[in-house]
Amino acid sequence: MFSLSNKHSQTKMSTPLGPDSVNVACPNCHQQVTTHTEPRATTKTHLLALLLCLFGCCPCACALYCTDCARNTEHYCPSCKAFVGSYER
């Protein structure tokens, strides 16, 4: 699922965002850049970790925070540091 909006305003992007860096025109500084990505734990990540701990799988719960499989990816412009969008898992 793709969320292609700026945190402050809705912006439609022609390039879909994924789990990896992509080449886009930054909606803030209008430069053509390759996005900087940061994985972010979400409420789903925390709930899944809690369920795993409740069922005795604490090592698996910790692994959720060490891998990208249960975390969203946020894309930022490396030039102006503006939020570009996010890829939701």
C-alpha atoms as a PDB file:
ATOM      1  CA  MET A   1       0.000   0.000   0.000  1.00  0.00           C
ATOM      2  CA  PHE A   2       1.407   3.388  -0.933  1.00  0.00           C
ATOM      3  CA  SER A   3       0.936   6.627   0.939  1.00  0.00           C
ATOM      4  CA  LEU A   4       2.063   9.338  -1.422  1.00  0.00           C
ATOM      5  CA  SER A   5       1.221  12.410   0.545  1.00  0.00           C
ATOM      6  CA  ASN A   6       3.203  15.039   2.331  1.00  0.00           C
ATOM      7  CA  LYS A   7       2.586  15.185   6.106  1.00  0.00           C
ATOM      8  CA  HIS A   8       1.298  18.743   5.742  1.00  0.00           C
ATOM      9  CA  SER A   9      -0.607  18.624   2.450  1.00  0.00           C
ATOM     10  CA  GLN A  10      -1.836  16.120  -0.101  1.00  0.00           C
ATOM     11  CA  THR A  11       0.601  15.710  -3.013  1.00  0.00           C
ATOM     12  CA  LYS A  12       0.131  13.230  -5.839  1.00  0.00           C
ATOM     13  CA  MET A  13       3.436  11.807  -7.049  1.00  0.00           C
ATOM     14  CA  SER A  14       4.090  10.231 -10.423  1.00  0.00           C
ATOM     15  CA  THR A  15       6.663   7.787  -9.019  1.00  0.00           C
ATOM     16  CA  PRO A  16       5.293   5.198  -6.592  1.00  0.00           C
ATOM     17  CA  LEU A  17       7.280   4.822  -3.394  1.00  0.00           C
ATOM     18  CA  GLY A  18       8.431   1.413  -2.291  1.00  0.00           C
ATOM     19  CA  PRO A  19      10.634  -0.089   0.383  1.00  0.00           C
ATOM     20  CA  ASP A  20      13.810   1.140  -1.382  1.00  0.00           C
ATOM     21  CA  SER A  21      15.082   4.594  -2.370  1.00  0.00           C
ATOM     22  CA  VAL A  22      13.567   6.012  -5.550  1.00  0.00           C
ATOM     23  CA  ASN A  23      14.337   8.906  -7.899  1.00  0.00           C
ATOM     24  CA  VAL A  24      11.711  11.645  -7.506  1.00  0.00           C
ATOM     25  CA  ALA A  25      11.259  15.371  -7.884  1.00  0.00           C
ATOM     26  CA  CYS A  26      11.040  16.685  -4.327  1.00  0.00           C
ATOM     27  CA  PRO A  27       7.677  18.409  -3.774  1.00  0.00           C
ATOM     28  CA  ASN A  28       9.383  20.929  -1.462  1.00  0.00           C
ATOM     29  CA  CYS A  29      12.643  21.987  -3.214  1.00  0.00           C
ATOM     30  CA  HIS A  30      11.706  20.658  -6.704  1.00  0.00           C
ATOM     31  CA  GLN A  31      15.129  19.026  -7.215  1.00  0.00           C
ATOM     32  CA  GLN A  32      15.458  15.610  -8.819  1.00  0.00           C
ATOM     33  CA  VAL A  33      16.792  13.432  -5.973  1.00  0.00           C
ATOM     34  CA  THR A  34      17.137   9.846  -4.802  1.00  0.00           C
ATOM     35  CA  THR A  35      15.166   9.630  -1.573  1.00  0.00           C
ATOM     36  CA  HIS A  36      16.731   8.864   1.782  1.00  0.00           C
ATOM     37  CA  THR A  37      14.736   6.105   3.498  1.00  0.00           C
ATOM     38  CA  GLU A  38      14.158   5.355   7.176  1.00  0.00           C
ATOM     39  CA  PRO A  39      12.271   2.324   8.487  1.00  0.00           C
ATOM     40  CA  ARG A  40       9.672   3.198  11.150  1.00  0.00           C
ATOM     41  CA  ALA A  41       7.881   0.902  13.568  1.00  0.00           C
ATOM     42  CA  THR A  42       4.121   1.381  13.547  1.00  0.00           C
ATOM     43  CA  THR A  43       1.241   0.491  15.832  1.00  0.00           C
ATOM     44  CA  LYS A  44       0.905  -2.763  13.875  1.00  0.00           C
ATOM     45  CA  THR A  45       4.549  -3.570  14.632  1.00  0.00           C
ATOM     46  CA  HIS A  46       4.046  -2.992  18.362  1.00  0.00           C
ATOM     47  CA  LEU A  47       0.807  -5.024  18.493  1.00  0.00           C
ATOM     48  CA  LEU A  48       2.382  -7.932  16.634  1.00  0.00           C
ATOM     49  CA  ALA A  49       5.372  -7.841  18.995  1.00  0.00           C
ATOM     50  CA  LEU A  50       3.037  -7.829  21.996  1.00  0.00           C
ATOM     51  CA  LEU A  51       1.127 -10.843  20.652  1.00  0.00           C
ATOM     52  CA  LEU A  52       4.359 -12.728  20.027  1.00  0.00           C
ATOM     53  CA  CYS A  53       5.525 -12.004  23.584  1.00  0.00           C
ATOM     54  CA  LEU A  54       2.193 -13.136  25.026  1.00  0.00           C
ATOM     55  CA  PHE A  55       2.549 -16.451  23.198  1.00  0.00           C
ATOM     56  CA  GLY A  56       6.130 -16.959  24.423  1.00  0.00           C
ATOM     57  CA  CYS A  57       7.995 -15.907  21.285  1.00  0.00           C
ATOM     58  CA  CYS A  58       9.938 -12.939  22.683  1.00  0.00           C
ATOM     59  CA  PRO A  59      12.984 -13.484  20.417  1.00  0.00           C
ATOM     60  CA  CYS A  60      10.680 -13.285  17.395  1.00  0.00           C
ATOM     61  CA  ALA A  61       9.140 -10.097  18.781  1.00  0.00           C
ATOM     62  CA  CYS A  62      12.584  -8.494  19.039  1.00  0.00           C
ATOM     63  CA  ALA A  63      13.348  -9.535  15.468  1.00  0.00           C
ATOM     64  CA  LEU A  64      10.456  -7.379  14.228  1.00  0.00           C
ATOM     65  CA  TYR A  65      12.427  -4.284  15.224  1.00  0.00           C
ATOM     66  CA  CYS A  66      15.687  -5.508  13.635  1.00  0.00           C
ATOM     67  CA  THR A  67      14.223  -6.245  10.204  1.00  0.00           C
ATOM     68  CA  ASP A  68      12.137  -4.217   7.778  1.00  0.00           C
ATOM     69  CA  CYS A  69       9.414  -6.860   7.363  1.00  0.00           C
ATOM     70  CA  ALA A  70       7.001  -5.254   9.840  1.00  0.00           C
ATOM     71  CA  ARG A  71       8.036  -1.601   9.570  1.00  0.00           C
ATOM     72  CA  ASN A  72       6.950   1.117   7.144  1.00  0.00           C
ATOM     73  CA  THR A  73       9.503   2.995   5.075  1.00  0.00           C
ATOM     74  CA  GLU A  74       9.517   6.793   5.162  1.00  0.00           C
ATOM     75  CA  HIS A  75      11.101   8.690   2.268  1.00  0.00           C
ATOM     76  CA  TYR A  76      12.892  12.023   2.738  1.00  0.00           C
ATOM     77  CA  CYS A  77      14.602  14.453   0.376  1.00  0.00           C
ATOM     78  CA  PRO A  78      18.380  14.350   1.012  1.00  0.00           C
ATOM     79  CA  SER A  79      18.741  17.996  -0.078  1.00  0.00           C
ATOM     80  CA  CYS A  80      16.116  19.808   2.007  1.00  0.00           C
ATOM     81  CA  LYS A  81      15.248  16.965   4.458  1.00  0.00           C
ATOM     82  CA  ALA A  82      11.532  17.298   3.634  1.00  0.00           C
ATOM     83  CA  PHE A  83       9.211  14.323   4.070  1.00  0.00           C
ATOM     84  CA  VAL A  84       8.327  12.961   0.603  1.00  0.00           C
ATOM     85  CA  GLY A  85       6.024  10.070   1.459  1.00  0.00           C
ATOM     86  CA  SER A  86       5.859   6.603   2.966  1.00  0.00           C
ATOM     87  CA  TYR A  87       5.526   2.999   1.918  1.00  0.00           C
ATOM     88  CA  GLU A  88       3.203   1.094   4.233  1.00  0.00           C
ATOM     89  CA  ARG A  89       3.564  -2.626   4.719  1.00  0.00           C
END
